[in-house]
């Protein structure tokens, strides 16, 4: 038994299965887009910082929903700061060092929050082949961690701290799950079945999503 239907989730494993079925394919397409071969690091940094993503039909570049309300001037300032660090970015050996570098360079810019730092680092990481090994915390994932009674004292959650049913996910996928399914996780932890969230994954272009920031 899968543990879910179109309406209800009955276990943490069912949450992972539902995510992989409904949201992961679009997230995978995002990874292919940001990690496209033949793109220069300068171009990858610019696209990541400006939060651009192609529409599903036509391929027109639009602003990612996570950053739709951030003024363009903020994203451009973040882009310019990171372009000055191109050499250092290209030398990062793992996602942790990349995330720290992005955070150091842009976090002080007014209008830049935790989610933007993570998203930009994650997108550049897709280009560099550097994937997160832990679930990084921002407003949405922090609420998901609280729903599971996981300590949020650090800026990240190791995959080993997640319920067993979620540990088969990558850290990037688990970041999505803590954000998208946070209400369902709270109900499941209380021993209640939970309604599955609607068509609102991180990567569904042009569709309404739950706010993760």
C-alpha atoms as a PDB file:
ATOM      1  CA  UNK A   1       0.000   0.000   0.000  1.00  0.00           C
ATOM      2  CA  UNK A   2       1.320   3.455  -0.901  1.00  0.00           C
ATOM      3  CA  UNK A   3      -0.048   5.172   2.184  1.00  0.00           C
ATOM      4  CA  UNK A   4      -1.605   8.023   0.238  1.00  0.00           C
ATOM      5  CA  UNK A   5      -4.339   8.769  -2.237  1.00  0.00           C
ATOM      6  CA  UNK A   6      -5.141  12.060  -3.901  1.00  0.00           C
ATOM      7  CA  UNK A   7      -6.457  13.487  -0.631  1.00  0.00           C
ATOM      8  CA  UNK A   8      -4.701  12.016   2.417  1.00  0.00           C
ATOM      9  CA  UNK A   9      -1.246  11.033   3.643  1.00  0.00           C
ATOM     10  CA  UNK A  10      -0.935   8.447   6.393  1.00  0.00           C
ATOM     11  CA  UNK A  11       2.821   8.179   7.040  1.00  0.00           C
ATOM     12  CA  UNK A  12       6.085  10.041   6.562  1.00  0.00           C
ATOM     13  CA  UNK A  13       7.014   7.532   3.871  1.00  0.00           C
ATOM     14  CA  UNK A  14       3.796   8.466   2.090  1.00  0.00           C
ATOM     15  CA  UNK A  15       4.837  12.112   2.210  1.00  0.00           C
ATOM     16  CA  UNK A  16       8.125  11.246   0.495  1.00  0.00           C
ATOM     17  CA  UNK A  17       6.310   9.146  -2.093  1.00  0.00           C
ATOM     18  CA  UNK A  18       3.774  11.889  -2.754  1.00  0.00           C
ATOM     19  CA  UNK A  19       6.543  14.470  -3.138  1.00  0.00           C
ATOM     20  CA  UNK A  20       8.495  12.275  -5.569  1.00  0.00           C
ATOM     21  CA  UNK A  21       5.350  11.674  -7.576  1.00  0.00           C
ATOM     22  CA  UNK A  22       3.981  15.201  -7.738  1.00  0.00           C
ATOM     23  CA  UNK A  23       6.817  17.691  -7.217  1.00  0.00           C
ATOM     24  CA  UNK A  24      10.195  16.046  -7.836  1.00  0.00           C
ATOM     25  CA  UNK A  25       9.886  15.878 -11.660  1.00  0.00           C
ATOM     26  CA  UNK A  26       9.604  19.675 -11.891  1.00  0.00           C
ATOM     27  CA  UNK A  27      12.426  20.119  -9.386  1.00  0.00           C
ATOM     28  CA  UNK A  28      14.533  17.831 -11.567  1.00  0.00           C
ATOM     29  CA  UNK A  29      13.840  19.995 -14.596  1.00  0.00           C
ATOM     30  CA  UNK A  30      14.973  23.013 -12.601  1.00  0.00           C
ATOM     31  CA  UNK A  31      18.223  21.212 -11.842  1.00  0.00           C
ATOM     32  CA  UNK A  32      18.770  20.505 -15.533  1.00  0.00           C
ATOM     33  CA  UNK A  33      18.115  24.163 -16.355  1.00  0.00           C
ATOM     34  CA  UNK A  34      20.475  25.659 -13.781  1.00  0.00           C
ATOM     35  CA  UNK A  35      23.096  22.987 -14.435  1.00  0.00           C
ATOM     36  CA  UNK A  36      22.966  23.246 -18.217  1.00  0.00           C
ATOM     37  CA  UNK A  37      26.360  22.432 -19.811  1.00  0.00           C
ATOM     38  CA  UNK A  38      27.981  25.074 -21.955  1.00  0.00           C
ATOM     39  CA  UNK A  39      26.917  27.903 -19.673  1.00  0.00           C
ATOM     40  CA  UNK A  40      29.686  30.020 -18.146  1.00  0.00           C
ATOM     41  CA  UNK A  41      29.984  30.495 -14.412  1.00  0.00           C
ATOM     42  CA  UNK A  42      29.337  34.205 -14.898  1.00  0.00           C
ATOM     43  CA  UNK A  43      26.069  33.416 -16.661  1.00  0.00           C
ATOM     44  CA  UNK A  44      25.123  30.838 -14.040  1.00  0.00           C
ATOM     45  CA  UNK A  45      25.707  33.333 -11.206  1.00  0.00           C
ATOM     46  CA  UNK A  46      23.637  35.972 -12.992  1.00  0.00           C
ATOM     47  CA  UNK A  47      20.696  33.658 -13.666  1.00  0.00           C
ATOM     48  CA  UNK A  48      20.803  32.287 -10.120  1.00  0.00           C
ATOM     49  CA  UNK A  49      20.956  35.690  -8.444  1.00  0.00           C
ATOM     50  CA  UNK A  50      18.288  37.257 -10.649  1.00  0.00           C
ATOM     51  CA  UNK A  51      16.084  34.223  -9.880  1.00  0.00           C
ATOM     52  CA  UNK A  52      15.238  33.559 -13.512  1.00  0.00           C
ATOM     53  CA  UNK A  53      13.566  30.364 -14.650  1.00  0.00           C
ATOM     54  CA  UNK A  54      11.967  29.356 -17.981  1.00  0.00           C
ATOM     55  CA  UNK A  55       8.235  28.936 -18.359  1.00  0.00           C
ATOM     56  CA  UNK A  56       7.103  25.401 -19.121  1.00  0.00           C
ATOM     57  CA  UNK A  57       5.665  26.479 -22.460  1.00  0.00           C
ATOM     58  CA  UNK A  58       7.750  28.701 -24.689  1.00  0.00           C
ATOM     59  CA  UNK A  59      10.779  28.886 -22.410  1.00  0.00           C
ATOM     60  CA  UNK A  60      10.362  32.597 -21.639  1.00  0.00           C
ATOM     61  CA  UNK A  61      12.405  33.595 -18.598  1.00  0.00           C
ATOM     62  CA  UNK A  62      10.374  34.748 -15.609  1.00  0.00           C
ATOM     63  CA  UNK A  63      11.087  35.460 -11.941  1.00  0.00           C
ATOM     64  CA  UNK A  64      10.903  32.425  -9.651  1.00  0.00           C
ATOM     65  CA  UNK A  65       7.871  32.603  -7.356  1.00  0.00           C
ATOM     66  CA  UNK A  66      10.074  32.583  -4.239  1.00  0.00           C
ATOM     67  CA  UNK A  67      11.584  35.893  -5.289  1.00  0.00           C
ATOM     68  CA  UNK A  68       8.626  37.440  -7.089  1.00  0.00           C
ATOM     69  CA  UNK A  69       8.151  40.156  -4.466  1.00  0.00           C
ATOM     70  CA  UNK A  70      11.800  41.085  -4.039  1.00  0.00           C
ATOM     71  CA  UNK A  71      12.665  44.357  -5.804  1.00  0.00           C
ATOM     72  CA  UNK A  72      14.742  43.850  -8.919  1.00  0.00           C
ATOM     73  CA  UNK A  73      17.338  46.279  -7.549  1.00  0.00           C
ATOM     74  CA  UNK A  74      17.977  43.903  -4.621  1.00  0.00           C
ATOM     75  CA  UNK A  75      18.551  40.936  -6.910  1.00  0.00           C
ATOM     76  CA  UNK A  76      20.818  42.990  -9.150  1.00  0.00           C
ATOM     77  CA  UNK A  77      22.897  44.114  -6.179  1.00  0.00           C
ATOM     78  CA  UNK A  78      23.185  40.501  -5.033  1.00  0.00           C
ATOM     79  CA  UNK A  79      24.227  39.502  -8.558  1.00  0.00           C
ATOM     80  CA  UNK A  80      26.901  42.191  -8.742  1.00  0.00           C
ATOM     81  CA  UNK A  81      28.327  41.223  -5.339  1.00  0.00           C
ATOM     82  CA  UNK A  82      28.512  37.561  -6.314  1.00  0.00           C
ATOM     83  CA  UNK A  83      30.038  38.260  -9.713  1.00  0.00           C
ATOM     84  CA  UNK A  84      32.921  39.948  -7.899  1.00  0.00           C
ATOM     85  CA  UNK A  85      33.412  36.647  -6.062  1.00  0.00           C
ATOM     86  CA  UNK A  86      33.327  34.516  -9.239  1.00  0.00           C
ATOM     87  CA  UNK A  87      36.782  33.021  -8.694  1.00  0.00           C
ATOM     88  CA  UNK A  88      36.055  32.144  -5.057  1.00  0.00           C
ATOM     89  CA  UNK A  89      32.683  30.645  -6.018  1.00  0.00           C
ATOM     90  CA  UNK A  90      34.308  28.496  -8.681  1.00  0.00           C
ATOM     91  CA  UNK A  91      36.808  27.227  -6.105  1.00  0.00           C
ATOM     92  CA  UNK A  92      34.202  25.978  -3.618  1.00  0.00           C
ATOM     93  CA  UNK A  93      34.668  22.282  -2.922  1.00  0.00           C
ATOM     94  CA  UNK A  94      31.271  21.570  -1.376  1.00  0.00           C
ATOM     95  CA  UNK A  95      27.848  23.094  -0.898  1.00  0.00           C
ATOM     96  CA  UNK A  96      28.512  24.135   2.701  1.00  0.00           C
ATOM     97  CA  UNK A  97      31.411  26.363   1.659  1.00  0.00           C
ATOM     98  CA  UNK A  98      29.398  27.725  -1.280  1.00  0.00           C
ATOM     99  CA  UNK A  99      26.434  28.565   0.957  1.00  0.00           C
ATOM    100  CA  UNK A 100      28.720  30.280   3.485  1.00  0.00           C
ATOM    101  CA  UNK A 101      30.354  32.320   0.733  1.00  0.00           C
ATOM    102  CA  UNK A 102      27.023  33.436  -0.754  1.00  0.00           C
ATOM    103  CA  UNK A 103      25.742  34.296   2.716  1.00  0.00           C
ATOM    104  CA  UNK A 104      28.857  36.328   3.547  1.00  0.00           C
ATOM    105  CA  UNK A 105      28.647  38.285   0.308  1.00  0.00           C
ATOM    106  CA  UNK A 106      24.940  39.176   0.125  1.00  0.00           C
ATOM    107  CA  UNK A 107      23.193  38.639   3.492  1.00  0.00           C
ATOM    108  CA  UNK A 108      23.795  42.242   4.596  1.00  0.00           C
ATOM    109  CA  UNK A 109      21.981  43.653   1.544  1.00  0.00           C
ATOM    110  CA  UNK A 110      18.610  45.068   2.669  1.00  0.00           C
ATOM    111  CA  UNK A 111      15.886  42.789   1.336  1.00  0.00           C
ATOM    112  CA  UNK A 112      18.044  39.644   1.241  1.00  0.00           C
ATOM    113  CA  UNK A 113      16.801  36.893   3.545  1.00  0.00           C
ATOM    114  CA  UNK A 114      17.669  33.308   4.364  1.00  0.00           C
ATOM    115  CA  UNK A 115      15.568  31.846   1.562  1.00  0.00           C
ATOM    116  CA  UNK A 116      17.207  33.975  -1.122  1.00  0.00           C
ATOM    117  CA  UNK A 117      20.670  33.055   0.166  1.00  0.00           C
ATOM    118  CA  UNK A 118      19.782  29.353   0.062  1.00  0.00           C
ATOM    119  CA  UNK A 119      18.070  29.511  -3.317  1.00  0.00           C
ATOM    120  CA  UNK A 120      20.949  31.336  -4.987  1.00  0.00           C
ATOM    121  CA  UNK A 121      23.516  28.977  -3.467  1.00  0.00           C
ATOM    122  CA  UNK A 122      21.415  25.967  -4.470  1.00  0.00           C
ATOM    123  CA  UNK A 123      21.099  27.181  -8.067  1.00  0.00           C
ATOM    124  CA  UNK A 124      24.807  27.905  -8.408  1.00  0.00           C
ATOM    125  CA  UNK A 125      25.465  24.537  -6.779  1.00  0.00           C
ATOM    126  CA  UNK A 126      23.419  22.846  -9.489  1.00  0.00           C
ATOM    127  CA  UNK A 127      25.768  24.369 -12.057  1.00  0.00           C
ATOM    128  CA  UNK A 128      28.911  23.436 -10.099  1.00  0.00           C
ATOM    129  CA  UNK A 129      27.664  19.954  -9.194  1.00  0.00           C
ATOM    130  CA  UNK A 130      27.594  20.774  -5.471  1.00  0.00           C
ATOM    131  CA  UNK A 131      24.505  19.445  -3.689  1.00  0.00           C
ATOM    132  CA  UNK A 132      23.512  20.224  -0.086  1.00  0.00           C
ATOM    133  CA  UNK A 133      24.180  17.428   2.384  1.00  0.00           C
ATOM    134  CA  UNK A 134      21.961  18.931   5.093  1.00  0.00           C
ATOM    135  CA  UNK A 135      18.558  20.617   5.104  1.00  0.00           C
ATOM    136  CA  UNK A 136      19.170  24.348   5.413  1.00  0.00           C
ATOM    137  CA  UNK A 137      16.746  26.370   7.504  1.00  0.00           C
ATOM    138  CA  UNK A 138      14.752  29.411   6.487  1.00  0.00           C
ATOM    139  CA  UNK A 139      11.273  30.481   7.563  1.00  0.00           C
ATOM    140  CA  UNK A 140       9.405  27.688   5.761  1.00  0.00           C
ATOM    141  CA  UNK A 141      11.750  24.816   6.563  1.00  0.00           C
ATOM    142  CA  UNK A 142      12.094  26.049  10.140  1.00  0.00           C
ATOM    143  CA  UNK A 143       8.330  25.648  10.557  1.00  0.00           C
ATOM    144  CA  UNK A 144       8.590  22.168   9.071  1.00  0.00           C
ATOM    145  CA  UNK A 145      11.360  21.270  11.513  1.00  0.00           C
ATOM    146  CA  UNK A 146       9.303  22.582  14.415  1.00  0.00           C
ATOM    147  CA  UNK A 147       6.368  20.458  13.236  1.00  0.00           C
ATOM    148  CA  UNK A 148       8.637  17.434  13.657  1.00  0.00           C
ATOM    149  CA  UNK A 149      10.020  18.677  17.000  1.00  0.00           C
ATOM    150  CA  UNK A 150      13.523  18.882  15.524  1.00  0.00           C
ATOM    151  CA  UNK A 151      16.015  21.276  17.092  1.00  0.00           C
ATOM    152  CA  UNK A 152      16.538  24.429  15.026  1.00  0.00           C
ATOM    153  CA  UNK A 153      19.475  25.825  16.989  1.00  0.00           C
ATOM    154  CA  UNK A 154      21.828  25.198  14.060  1.00  0.00           C
ATOM    155  CA  UNK A 155      21.259  26.708  10.647  1.00  0.00           C
ATOM    156  CA  UNK A 156      20.624  23.289   9.164  1.00  0.00           C
ATOM    157  CA  UNK A 157      19.147  19.877   9.960  1.00  0.00           C
ATOM    158  CA  UNK A 158      21.105  16.675   9.198  1.00  0.00           C
ATOM    159  CA  UNK A 159      19.100  14.140   7.201  1.00  0.00           C
ATOM    160  CA  UNK A 160      19.642  11.677  10.044  1.00  0.00           C
ATOM    161  CA  UNK A 161      17.396  13.827  12.266  1.00  0.00           C
ATOM    162  CA  UNK A 162      14.387  13.408   9.963  1.00  0.00           C
ATOM    163  CA  UNK A 163      11.817  10.624  10.423  1.00  0.00           C
ATOM    164  CA  UNK A 164      12.928   7.380   8.782  1.00  0.00           C
ATOM    165  CA  UNK A 165      10.320   7.712   6.051  1.00  0.00           C
ATOM    166  CA  UNK A 166      11.911  10.941   4.807  1.00  0.00           C
ATOM    167  CA  UNK A 167      15.571   9.871   4.884  1.00  0.00           C
ATOM    168  CA  UNK A 168      15.441   8.378   1.393  1.00  0.00           C
ATOM    169  CA  UNK A 169      15.128  11.918   0.004  1.00  0.00           C
ATOM    170  CA  UNK A 170      18.101  14.062  -0.909  1.00  0.00           C
ATOM    171  CA  UNK A 171      18.735  17.080   1.292  1.00  0.00           C
ATOM    172  CA  UNK A 172      17.423  19.360  -1.441  1.00  0.00           C
ATOM    173  CA  UNK A 173      14.249  17.312  -1.731  1.00  0.00           C
ATOM    174  CA  UNK A 174      13.831  17.243   2.049  1.00  0.00           C
ATOM    175  CA  UNK A 175      14.120  21.051   2.073  1.00  0.00           C
ATOM    176  CA  UNK A 176      11.169  21.139  -0.317  1.00  0.00           C
ATOM    177  CA  UNK A 177       9.204  18.684   1.833  1.00  0.00           C
ATOM    178  CA  UNK A 178       9.699  20.548   5.127  1.00  0.00           C
ATOM    179  CA  UNK A 179       8.383  23.664   3.437  1.00  0.00           C
ATOM    180  CA  UNK A 180       5.556  22.302   1.278  1.00  0.00           C
ATOM    181  CA  UNK A 181       4.278  19.623   3.687  1.00  0.00           C
ATOM    182  CA  UNK A 182       4.849  21.364   7.022  1.00  0.00           C
ATOM    183  CA  UNK A 183       1.160  21.269   8.026  1.00  0.00           C
ATOM    184  CA  UNK A 184       0.863  17.611   7.016  1.00  0.00           C
ATOM    185  CA  UNK A 185       4.022  16.742   8.986  1.00  0.00           C
ATOM    186  CA  UNK A 186       2.557  18.265  12.141  1.00  0.00           C
ATOM    187  CA  UNK A 187      -0.627  16.219  11.808  1.00  0.00           C
ATOM    188  CA  UNK A 188       1.240  13.006  11.065  1.00  0.00           C
ATOM    189  CA  UNK A 189       3.437  13.498  14.105  1.00  0.00           C
ATOM    190  CA  UNK A 190       0.242  13.803  16.146  1.00  0.00           C
ATOM    191  CA  UNK A 191      -0.911  10.457  14.739  1.00  0.00           C
ATOM    192  CA  UNK A 192      -3.533  11.886  12.393  1.00  0.00           C
ATOM    193  CA  UNK A 193      -3.854  11.422   8.621  1.00  0.00           C
ATOM    194  CA  UNK A 194      -3.136  14.620   6.738  1.00  0.00           C
ATOM    195  CA  UNK A 195      -4.529  16.085   3.526  1.00  0.00           C
ATOM    196  CA  UNK A 196      -1.952  16.271   0.786  1.00  0.00           C
ATOM    197  CA  UNK A 197      -1.076  19.808  -0.310  1.00  0.00           C
ATOM    198  CA  UNK A 198      -2.401  20.806  -3.713  1.00  0.00           C
ATOM    199  CA  UNK A 199      -0.400  21.466  -6.866  1.00  0.00           C
ATOM    200  CA  UNK A 200       2.003  23.833  -5.196  1.00  0.00           C
ATOM    201  CA  UNK A 201       5.569  22.509  -5.403  1.00  0.00           C
ATOM    202  CA  UNK A 202       8.615  24.742  -5.438  1.00  0.00           C
ATOM    203  CA  UNK A 203       9.315  24.226  -9.109  1.00  0.00           C
ATOM    204  CA  UNK A 204       5.864  24.384 -10.687  1.00  0.00           C
ATOM    205  CA  UNK A 205       6.346  27.411 -12.867  1.00  0.00           C
ATOM    206  CA  UNK A 206       3.643  30.021 -12.933  1.00  0.00           C
ATOM    207  CA  UNK A 207       1.467  28.250 -10.332  1.00  0.00           C
ATOM    208  CA  UNK A 208       0.598  29.381  -6.845  1.00  0.00           C
ATOM    209  CA  UNK A 209       2.798  27.820  -4.151  1.00  0.00           C
ATOM    210  CA  UNK A 210       2.896  27.890  -0.368  1.00  0.00           C
ATOM    211  CA  UNK A 211       5.272  30.608   0.820  1.00  0.00           C
ATOM    212  CA  UNK A 212       8.570  29.133   1.962  1.00  0.00           C
ATOM    213  CA  UNK A 213      10.162  32.375   3.020  1.00  0.00           C
END
